[in-house]
N, C-alpha and C. Protein backbone atom coordinates (compact mmCIF):
# COMPACT_ATOMS: atom_id res chain seq x y z
N MET A 1 167.36 48.96 25.80
CA MET A 1 167.85 49.95 26.33
C MET A 1 168.14 48.89 28.37
N SER A 2 169.27 48.65 28.93
CA SER A 2 169.41 48.57 30.40
C SER A 2 169.20 49.37 31.12
N ILE A 3 168.77 48.87 32.07
CA ILE A 3 168.17 49.22 33.73
C ILE A 3 169.17 50.34 33.84
N LYS A 4 170.47 50.41 34.16
CA LYS A 4 171.20 51.75 34.10
C LYS A 4 170.65 52.64 33.52
N GLU A 5 170.72 52.79 32.01
CA GLU A 5 170.24 53.92 31.21
C GLU A 5 169.04 54.43 31.53
N LYS A 6 167.90 53.39 31.42
CA LYS A 6 166.51 53.60 31.46
C LYS A 6 166.71 54.62 33.05
N ILE A 7 167.30 54.59 34.53
CA ILE A 7 167.43 55.37 35.64
C ILE A 7 167.85 56.69 35.12
N ASN A 8 169.35 56.13 34.39
CA ASN A 8 169.78 57.61 34.44
C ASN A 8 169.02 58.97 33.57
N LYS A 9 167.61 57.92 32.17
CA LYS A 9 166.52 58.63 31.78
C LYS A 9 166.47 60.21 32.51
N LEU A 10 165.79 58.79 34.01
CA LEU A 10 164.12 58.97 34.42
C LEU A 10 164.54 60.49 35.27
N ASN A 11 166.44 60.39 35.88
CA ASN A 11 166.95 61.30 36.57
C ASN A 11 167.01 62.63 36.01
N ASN A 12 167.16 62.87 34.38
CA ASN A 12 166.82 63.22 33.08
C ASN A 12 166.07 64.73 33.76
N PHE A 13 166.47 66.22 33.97
CA PHE A 13 165.49 66.71 34.89
C PHE A 13 164.38 67.48 32.96
N LYS A 14 164.76 67.33 32.30
CA LYS A 14 164.00 66.99 31.07
C LYS A 14 163.08 66.71 30.78
N TYR A 15 163.46 65.15 31.11
CA TYR A 15 163.15 63.93 30.65
C TYR A 15 161.97 64.02 31.68
N LYS A 16 161.89 64.50 32.43
CA LYS A 16 161.45 64.16 33.56
C LYS A 16 160.04 65.31 33.64
N THR A 17 159.91 66.22 33.68
CA THR A 17 159.84 67.19 32.74
C THR A 17 158.59 67.23 32.12
N ILE A 18 158.92 66.17 31.12
CA ILE A 18 157.87 66.33 29.33
C ILE A 18 157.11 65.52 29.86
N CYS A 19 157.57 64.21 31.16
CA CYS A 19 156.85 63.36 31.48
C CYS A 19 155.87 63.54 32.08
N VAL A 20 156.28 64.74 33.18
CA VAL A 20 154.88 65.25 34.10
C VAL A 20 154.19 65.75 33.10
N LEU A 21 154.35 66.81 32.55
CA LEU A 21 153.37 67.32 31.67
C LEU A 21 152.78 67.03 30.61
N ILE A 22 153.11 65.65 30.43
CA ILE A 22 152.23 64.99 29.78
C ILE A 22 151.25 64.11 30.43
N PHE A 23 151.24 63.27 31.28
CA PHE A 23 150.75 63.92 32.64
C PHE A 23 149.63 64.55 32.63
N SER A 24 150.25 65.57 33.37
CA SER A 24 148.85 66.46 33.69
C SER A 24 147.98 66.68 32.43
N CYS A 25 148.69 67.00 31.53
CA CYS A 25 147.52 67.33 30.43
C CYS A 25 146.42 66.19 30.07
N ILE A 26 146.82 64.57 30.37
CA ILE A 26 146.28 63.85 29.85
C ILE A 26 145.14 63.48 31.13
N ILE A 27 145.54 64.24 32.37
CA ILE A 27 144.38 64.37 33.50
C ILE A 27 143.75 65.64 33.51
N HIS A 28 144.14 66.35 32.39
CA HIS A 28 143.48 67.85 32.61
C HIS A 28 142.34 67.62 31.35
N LEU A 29 142.87 67.40 29.78
CA LEU A 29 141.76 67.12 29.04
C LEU A 29 140.34 66.09 29.47
N SER A 30 140.91 65.11 30.31
CA SER A 30 140.15 64.16 31.30
C SER A 30 138.98 64.75 31.82
N TYR A 31 139.93 65.99 32.79
CA TYR A 31 138.42 66.76 33.47
C TYR A 31 137.81 67.23 32.67
N ILE A 32 138.44 68.18 31.87
CA ILE A 32 137.32 68.74 31.39
C ILE A 32 136.38 67.92 30.07
N ALA A 33 136.73 67.03 29.03
CA ALA A 33 135.78 65.98 28.58
C ALA A 33 134.34 65.27 29.83
N TYR A 34 135.28 65.71 31.64
CA TYR A 34 134.10 64.76 32.49
C TYR A 34 132.94 65.59 32.97
N ASN A 35 133.52 67.03 32.78
CA ASN A 35 132.68 67.92 33.09
C ASN A 35 131.64 68.24 31.06
N THR A 36 132.13 67.91 30.89
CA THR A 36 131.01 68.73 29.54
C THR A 36 130.70 66.65 29.82
N PHE A 37 130.62 66.34 29.33
CA PHE A 37 129.04 64.76 30.04
C PHE A 37 129.04 64.68 30.98
N LEU A 38 129.04 65.35 31.99
CA LEU A 38 128.33 65.96 33.49
C LEU A 38 127.17 66.87 33.03
N GLY A 39 128.37 67.94 31.88
CA GLY A 39 126.70 69.29 31.84
C GLY A 39 125.86 68.56 30.88
N ILE A 40 126.56 68.30 29.81
CA ILE A 40 124.87 66.57 28.79
C ILE A 40 123.92 65.98 29.61
N ALA A 41 125.08 64.71 30.49
CA ALA A 41 123.36 64.25 30.75
C ALA A 41 122.92 64.35 31.43
N TYR A 42 123.58 65.76 32.43
CA TYR A 42 122.24 66.37 33.57
C TYR A 42 121.76 67.50 33.10
N PHE A 43 122.30 68.18 32.35
CA PHE A 43 121.58 69.44 31.57
C PHE A 43 121.92 70.21 32.29
N ASP A 44 123.28 70.38 32.77
CA ASP A 44 124.16 71.36 33.98
C ASP A 44 125.10 72.00 33.52
N ALA A 45 124.78 72.99 33.54
CA ALA A 45 125.02 74.79 32.93
C ALA A 45 126.45 75.01 33.51
N PHE A 46 126.41 74.72 34.93
CA PHE A 46 127.40 74.82 35.70
C PHE A 46 129.07 73.77 35.77
N ALA A 47 128.46 71.94 35.01
CA ALA A 47 129.41 72.12 34.21
C ALA A 47 129.90 72.07 33.53
N ILE A 48 129.17 72.40 31.87
CA ILE A 48 129.65 73.03 30.82
C ILE A 48 129.98 74.23 30.78
N GLY A 49 130.16 75.12 31.83
CA GLY A 49 130.60 76.04 31.82
C GLY A 49 132.46 75.76 32.46
N ILE A 50 132.61 75.32 33.51
CA ILE A 50 133.30 74.60 34.07
C ILE A 50 134.84 73.95 33.02
N ALA A 51 134.48 73.32 32.59
CA ALA A 51 134.44 72.60 31.39
C ALA A 51 135.24 73.47 30.37
N ILE A 52 133.96 74.84 29.68
CA ILE A 52 135.22 75.54 28.94
C ILE A 52 135.67 76.90 30.15
N TYR A 53 135.64 76.39 31.19
CA TYR A 53 137.01 77.32 32.30
C TYR A 53 137.96 76.55 31.75
N TYR A 54 138.40 75.70 31.82
CA TYR A 54 139.39 74.98 31.33
C TYR A 54 140.28 74.69 31.14
N PHE A 55 139.30 74.50 29.89
CA PHE A 55 139.72 74.37 28.18
C PHE A 55 140.52 75.38 28.34
N VAL A 56 139.75 76.71 28.77
CA VAL A 56 140.85 77.80 28.31
C VAL A 56 141.90 78.04 29.08
N LEU A 57 141.65 78.07 30.37
CA LEU A 57 142.71 77.79 31.29
C LEU A 57 143.88 76.67 30.37
N PHE A 58 143.57 75.63 30.22
CA PHE A 58 144.48 74.36 28.95
C PHE A 58 145.20 74.81 27.62
N VAL A 59 144.12 76.25 27.42
CA VAL A 59 144.37 76.35 26.31
C VAL A 59 145.67 77.95 26.35
N ILE A 60 145.23 78.40 27.81
CA ILE A 60 146.50 79.36 27.69
C ILE A 60 148.84 78.39 28.49
N LYS A 61 147.76 77.69 29.32
CA LYS A 61 148.86 76.41 29.39
C LYS A 61 149.88 76.31 28.23
N LEU A 62 149.50 75.57 27.07
CA LEU A 62 149.65 75.19 26.30
C LEU A 62 150.08 76.21 24.65
N ALA A 63 149.82 77.91 24.85
CA ALA A 63 150.14 78.89 24.24
C ALA A 63 151.46 78.57 24.55
N THR A 64 151.55 79.04 25.95
CA THR A 64 152.87 79.47 26.42
C THR A 64 153.64 78.49 26.91
N LEU A 65 153.55 76.82 26.72
CA LEU A 65 154.48 76.26 26.39
C LEU A 65 155.20 76.27 25.14
N VAL A 66 154.16 76.28 24.51
CA VAL A 66 154.86 76.81 22.86
C VAL A 66 155.61 77.41 22.25
N VAL A 67 155.33 78.79 23.19
CA VAL A 67 156.16 80.37 23.08
C VAL A 67 157.49 79.99 23.71
N GLU A 68 157.21 79.11 24.70
CA GLU A 68 158.51 78.92 25.95
C GLU A 68 159.60 77.58 24.56
N GLN A 69 158.82 76.89 24.09
CA GLN A 69 159.73 76.24 22.54
C GLN A 69 160.44 76.96 21.29
N LYS A 70 159.06 78.18 21.10
CA LYS A 70 160.42 78.86 19.93
C LYS A 70 161.28 79.63 20.58
N ILE A 71 161.28 79.91 21.38
CA ILE A 71 162.57 81.23 22.31
C ILE A 71 163.51 79.95 22.66
N PHE A 72 163.47 78.83 22.89
CA PHE A 72 164.54 77.59 23.51
C PHE A 72 165.63 78.91 23.45
N LYS A 73 165.96 78.25 21.53
CA LYS A 73 167.40 78.75 21.14
C LYS A 73 168.06 79.33 21.17
N LYS A 74 166.80 80.72 21.63
CA LYS A 74 167.85 82.46 21.14
C LYS A 74 168.77 83.43 22.59
N ASP A 75 169.08 83.92 22.47
CA ASP A 75 169.79 84.40 23.53
C ASP A 75 168.91 85.13 24.55
N GLU A 76 169.94 85.47 25.60
CA GLU A 76 168.33 84.85 27.24
C GLU A 76 167.95 86.77 27.64
N GLN A 77 169.03 87.70 26.50
CA GLN A 77 167.91 89.14 26.63
C GLN A 77 166.30 89.20 25.81
N PHE A 78 166.36 88.20 24.60
CA PHE A 78 165.25 87.68 24.17
C PHE A 78 164.13 87.08 24.85
N LYS A 79 164.85 86.07 25.33
CA LYS A 79 164.26 85.53 26.17
C LYS A 79 162.52 86.15 27.24
N ILE A 80 163.75 86.91 28.03
CA ILE A 80 163.30 87.66 29.30
C ILE A 80 161.98 89.12 28.47
N LYS A 81 161.92 89.06 27.26
CA LYS A 81 161.48 90.16 26.33
C LYS A 81 160.26 89.62 26.32
N ILE A 82 160.11 88.48 25.28
CA ILE A 82 159.41 87.52 24.72
C ILE A 82 158.56 86.97 26.45
N ARG A 83 159.22 86.24 27.40
CA ARG A 83 158.58 85.29 28.57
C ARG A 83 157.77 86.17 29.34
N VAL A 84 157.89 88.00 29.17
CA VAL A 84 157.73 88.93 30.53
C VAL A 84 156.07 90.17 29.23
N LYS A 85 156.49 89.22 27.72
CA LYS A 85 155.53 89.58 26.78
C LYS A 85 153.78 88.84 27.61
N ASN A 86 154.85 87.39 27.26
CA ASN A 86 154.26 86.07 27.39
C ASN A 86 152.91 86.32 28.70
N TYR A 87 153.71 86.31 29.05
CA TYR A 87 152.98 87.04 30.49
C TYR A 87 152.28 87.71 30.84
N LYS A 88 152.10 89.20 30.35
CA LYS A 88 151.30 89.76 30.37
C LYS A 88 149.95 89.43 30.00
N ILE A 89 150.26 88.94 28.31
CA ILE A 89 149.13 88.42 27.79
C ILE A 89 148.53 88.20 28.00
N SER A 90 149.08 87.25 28.81
CA SER A 90 148.29 85.72 29.90
C SER A 90 147.59 86.13 30.53
N SER A 91 148.04 87.28 31.23
CA SER A 91 148.02 87.35 32.73
C SER A 91 145.92 87.71 32.70
N ILE A 92 145.93 88.88 31.45
CA ILE A 92 145.16 88.97 31.32
C ILE A 92 144.10 88.98 31.10
N PHE A 93 144.11 87.42 29.83
CA PHE A 93 142.88 86.22 28.92
C PHE A 93 142.90 85.35 30.89
N VAL A 94 143.90 85.62 31.73
CA VAL A 94 143.67 84.48 33.29
C VAL A 94 142.32 85.91 33.20
N PHE A 95 143.21 86.85 33.57
CA PHE A 95 141.59 87.58 34.52
C PHE A 95 140.47 88.16 34.28
N ILE A 96 139.73 87.91 32.56
CA ILE A 96 138.93 87.71 31.81
C ILE A 96 138.13 86.56 32.19
N ILE A 97 139.06 85.18 31.81
CA ILE A 97 138.53 84.35 32.33
C ILE A 97 137.46 84.26 33.54
N ASP A 98 138.54 84.74 34.22
CA ASP A 98 138.02 84.25 36.19
C ASP A 98 137.04 85.38 35.80
N LEU A 99 137.27 86.62 36.13
CA LEU A 99 135.26 86.84 35.58
C LEU A 99 134.37 86.58 34.72
N CYS A 100 134.61 85.77 33.93
CA CYS A 100 133.26 84.78 33.37
C CYS A 100 133.48 83.67 33.93
N LEU A 101 134.38 83.59 35.13
CA LEU A 101 133.29 82.61 36.73
C LEU A 101 132.10 82.65 36.93
N ILE A 102 131.85 84.16 36.85
CA ILE A 102 130.74 84.65 38.28
C ILE A 102 129.23 83.87 37.44
N ALA A 103 129.31 83.88 36.50
CA ALA A 103 128.40 82.90 35.81
C ALA A 103 127.56 81.39 36.66
N PRO A 104 128.95 80.55 35.95
CA PRO A 104 128.57 79.50 36.68
C PRO A 104 128.43 79.52 37.93
N ILE A 105 128.82 80.13 38.73
CA ILE A 105 128.81 80.83 40.30
C ILE A 105 127.30 81.28 40.51
N ILE A 106 126.90 82.21 40.06
CA ILE A 106 125.41 82.41 40.33
C ILE A 106 124.58 81.35 39.45
N LEU A 107 124.90 80.97 37.98
CA LEU A 107 124.50 79.73 38.67
C LEU A 107 123.61 78.07 40.18
N MET A 108 124.71 78.76 39.97
CA MET A 108 125.07 77.32 41.35
C MET A 108 124.68 77.68 42.48
N VAL A 109 124.32 79.07 42.23
CA VAL A 109 123.55 79.73 43.64
C VAL A 109 121.63 80.58 43.20
N VAL A 110 121.80 80.19 42.49
CA VAL A 110 120.81 80.56 41.54
C VAL A 110 119.53 79.74 41.40
N ASN A 111 120.26 79.10 40.55
CA ASN A 111 119.63 77.70 39.72
C ASN A 111 119.40 76.31 40.17
N PRO A 112 119.95 76.11 41.23
CA PRO A 112 119.95 74.55 41.96
C PRO A 112 119.17 74.02 41.35
N LYS A 113 119.88 72.63 40.50
CA LYS A 113 118.83 71.75 39.59
C LYS A 113 118.55 70.66 40.77
N ASP A 114 116.90 69.80 40.89
CA ASP A 114 116.72 68.83 41.72
C ASP A 114 117.46 67.56 40.61
N VAL A 115 118.57 67.49 40.05
CA VAL A 115 119.76 66.13 40.08
C VAL A 115 120.50 65.94 40.91
N LYS A 116 120.64 64.35 41.33
CA LYS A 116 121.30 63.56 42.31
C LYS A 116 121.88 63.39 41.33
N PHE A 117 123.44 63.89 41.43
CA PHE A 117 124.62 63.25 40.95
C PHE A 117 125.06 62.25 41.27
N GLY A 118 124.83 61.28 42.17
CA GLY A 118 125.03 60.00 42.72
C GLY A 118 126.12 60.32 43.78
N LEU A 119 126.85 59.14 43.71
CA LEU A 119 128.48 59.42 44.87
C LEU A 119 129.66 59.34 43.77
N ILE A 120 129.36 58.41 42.74
CA ILE A 120 131.31 58.87 41.61
C ILE A 120 131.37 59.47 41.48
N PRO A 121 130.25 60.21 41.18
CA PRO A 121 130.77 62.10 40.34
C PRO A 121 131.30 62.78 41.61
N ALA A 122 131.23 63.09 42.25
CA ALA A 122 131.37 62.99 44.23
C ALA A 122 132.91 62.59 44.70
N ILE A 123 133.11 61.32 44.55
CA ILE A 123 134.20 61.27 44.75
C ILE A 123 135.35 61.15 43.86
N ALA A 124 134.72 61.44 42.26
CA ALA A 124 135.92 61.83 40.97
C ALA A 124 136.32 63.04 41.80
N GLU A 125 135.87 63.58 42.20
CA GLU A 125 136.06 65.65 42.29
C GLU A 125 136.52 65.38 42.46
N ALA A 126 136.12 65.13 43.87
CA ALA A 126 137.04 65.26 45.75
C ALA A 126 138.38 64.18 45.50
N THR A 127 138.23 63.54 44.12
CA THR A 127 139.90 62.65 43.81
C THR A 127 140.78 64.04 43.16
N TYR A 128 140.23 64.77 42.34
CA TYR A 128 141.05 66.11 41.68
C TYR A 128 141.07 67.01 42.39
N CYS A 129 140.39 67.52 43.08
CA CYS A 129 140.71 68.13 44.05
C CYS A 129 142.10 68.50 44.88
N VAL A 130 142.13 67.25 45.60
CA VAL A 130 142.77 67.02 45.91
C VAL A 130 144.27 66.67 45.38
N TYR A 131 144.09 66.13 44.12
CA TYR A 131 145.39 66.28 42.79
C TYR A 131 145.78 68.10 42.72
N LYS A 132 144.78 68.52 42.34
CA LYS A 132 145.05 69.70 41.98
C LYS A 132 145.52 70.33 42.77
N ILE A 133 144.76 70.56 43.92
CA ILE A 133 145.55 71.15 45.47
C ILE A 133 146.92 70.80 45.49
N VAL A 134 146.96 69.49 45.86
CA VAL A 134 148.69 68.87 46.03
C VAL A 134 149.65 69.66 45.14
N LEU A 135 149.38 69.69 43.72
CA LEU A 135 150.16 69.74 42.62
C LEU A 135 150.62 71.21 42.68
N ALA A 136 149.54 71.80 43.13
CA ALA A 136 149.73 73.35 43.03
C ALA A 136 150.47 73.90 44.06
N ILE A 137 150.78 72.91 45.26
CA ILE A 137 151.44 73.72 46.20
C ILE A 137 153.03 72.64 46.50
N VAL A 138 153.18 71.72 45.74
CA VAL A 138 154.37 71.07 45.27
C VAL A 138 155.02 72.10 44.36
N ASN A 139 154.15 72.17 43.50
CA ASN A 139 154.66 73.22 42.51
C ASN A 139 154.78 74.60 42.76
N TYR A 140 154.55 74.89 43.40
CA TYR A 140 154.65 76.26 44.04
C TYR A 140 156.12 76.41 44.71
N THR A 141 156.11 75.55 46.09
CA THR A 141 157.27 75.54 46.67
C THR A 141 158.74 75.40 45.62
N ARG A 142 158.54 74.26 44.52
CA ARG A 142 159.75 74.14 44.05
C ARG A 142 159.99 75.16 42.98
N SER A 143 159.05 76.39 42.75
CA SER A 143 159.26 77.63 42.03
C SER A 143 158.97 78.69 43.03
N LYS A 144 159.05 78.51 43.72
CA LYS A 144 158.93 79.56 44.74
C LYS A 144 160.09 80.82 44.48
N LYS A 145 161.14 80.34 44.20
CA LYS A 145 162.24 81.18 43.85
C LYS A 145 162.54 82.12 42.63
N SER A 146 161.94 81.32 41.56
CA SER A 146 162.06 81.15 40.52
C SER A 146 161.50 82.85 40.33
N LYS A 147 162.13 83.08 39.07
CA LYS A 147 162.53 85.09 38.09
C LYS A 147 161.74 84.54 36.36
N ASN A 148 161.73 83.64 37.02
CA ASN A 148 161.44 83.27 35.16
C ASN A 148 159.90 83.13 34.88
N PRO A 149 159.30 84.20 34.14
CA PRO A 149 157.81 84.20 34.10
C PRO A 149 156.97 83.53 33.87
N THR A 150 157.45 82.62 32.49
CA THR A 150 157.16 81.57 32.37
C THR A 150 156.75 80.46 33.27
N SER A 151 157.37 80.42 34.23
CA SER A 151 157.44 78.81 35.79
C SER A 151 156.11 80.11 36.11
N ILE A 152 156.82 81.45 36.78
CA ILE A 152 155.29 82.14 37.78
C ILE A 152 153.98 82.04 37.06
N LEU A 153 153.64 82.00 36.04
CA LEU A 153 152.50 81.87 34.93
C LEU A 153 151.84 80.37 35.30
N LEU A 154 152.77 79.22 34.79
CA LEU A 154 152.02 78.64 35.14
C LEU A 154 151.63 77.95 36.06
N LYS A 155 152.61 78.44 37.42
CA LYS A 155 152.63 78.28 38.53
C LYS A 155 151.02 79.04 38.77
N GLU A 156 150.62 80.49 38.82
CA GLU A 156 149.45 80.78 39.03
C GLU A 156 148.68 80.43 38.27
N ILE A 157 148.27 79.99 37.04
CA ILE A 157 146.97 78.98 36.20
C ILE A 157 147.14 77.14 37.11
N ASN A 158 148.20 76.84 37.78
CA ASN A 158 147.99 76.40 39.03
C ASN A 158 146.83 75.84 39.82
N ILE A 159 147.42 76.94 40.67
CA ILE A 159 147.04 77.92 41.66
C ILE A 159 145.76 77.93 41.92
N ILE A 160 145.21 79.00 40.43
CA ILE A 160 143.84 79.58 40.28
C ILE A 160 143.09 78.37 39.87
N GLY A 161 143.56 76.63 39.29
CA GLY A 161 142.82 75.84 38.76
C GLY A 161 142.71 74.79 40.24
N ALA A 162 143.29 74.77 41.28
CA ALA A 162 142.90 74.27 42.24
C ALA A 162 142.24 74.92 42.79
N ILE A 163 142.23 76.40 42.89
CA ILE A 163 140.56 76.82 43.86
C ILE A 163 139.98 76.81 43.00
N VAL A 164 139.19 76.10 42.01
CA VAL A 164 138.41 76.34 41.42
C VAL A 164 138.04 74.90 41.62
N SER A 165 138.68 74.64 41.72
CA SER A 165 137.95 72.39 41.26
C SER A 165 137.75 72.27 43.16
N VAL A 166 138.78 73.52 43.87
CA VAL A 166 136.97 72.72 45.36
C VAL A 166 136.26 73.56 45.38
N LEU A 167 135.80 74.81 43.90
CA LEU A 167 134.35 75.51 43.65
C LEU A 167 133.60 74.30 43.53
N THR A 168 134.22 73.44 42.38
CA THR A 168 133.07 72.45 41.68
C THR A 168 133.05 71.09 42.52
N LEU A 169 133.87 71.34 43.47
CA LEU A 169 133.63 69.91 44.14
C LEU A 169 131.96 70.48 45.62
N GLN A 170 132.32 71.88 45.48
CA GLN A 170 131.32 72.18 46.57
C GLN A 170 129.85 71.60 45.45
N HIS A 171 130.42 72.39 44.20
CA HIS A 171 128.80 72.52 43.99
C HIS A 171 128.40 70.38 43.43
N THR A 172 129.21 69.60 43.53
CA THR A 172 129.20 68.12 43.07
C THR A 172 128.62 67.90 44.43
N LEU A 173 129.43 68.00 45.71
CA LEU A 173 128.46 67.88 46.88
C LEU A 173 127.17 68.46 46.92
N ILE A 174 126.39 69.75 46.06
CA ILE A 174 125.44 70.23 46.39
C ILE A 174 124.35 69.29 45.56
N MET A 175 124.94 68.12 44.36
CA MET A 175 123.88 68.10 43.74
C MET A 175 123.68 66.99 43.72
N VAL A 176 124.76 66.15 44.79
CA VAL A 176 124.59 64.72 44.86
C VAL A 176 124.16 64.88 46.25
N ASN A 177 123.70 65.96 46.67
CA ASN A 177 123.06 65.75 48.01
C ASN A 177 120.97 66.46 47.17
N GLY A 178 121.43 67.04 46.66
CA GLY A 178 119.71 67.34 45.70
C GLY A 178 119.42 68.53 46.43
N GLU A 179 120.70 69.71 47.23
CA GLU A 179 120.31 70.14 48.02
C GLU A 179 121.33 71.59 48.18
């Protein structure tokens, strides 16, 4: 493949979207594994709860993308009907798991552990938090005028994930100081 063909392939919107999606999925799954590791290594229920939370968010995003792939070649009216239905169902699941966030927040406040994570988890958490916030803002501004329910849902999930990443950064900084 020549350099010109590679550049043309990079300019292809679908190809760029797939590359960004794969990168995002790798980062998302790595963060789930990271929180699971912290939860197991330090017996931290908050980290396990956050890992489960992000896993459910990941499953909702994945299910939305699978639905979008299945209706790709259907007519527009059918697509709109399915997208709206998927938006409603996914929104209910997001609301339920957001309510489930109450448990990790209560654990963070009521059950502080005398564990010092160290500086590396704090730096990793801060990096992920900045990554999520920047990506959520970029995606929000790009799809601001979109009327596609799938695009709106994914944008909302990214913003929710960014907000929760601030909460996990707060928890990690508390654990770094031990207070």
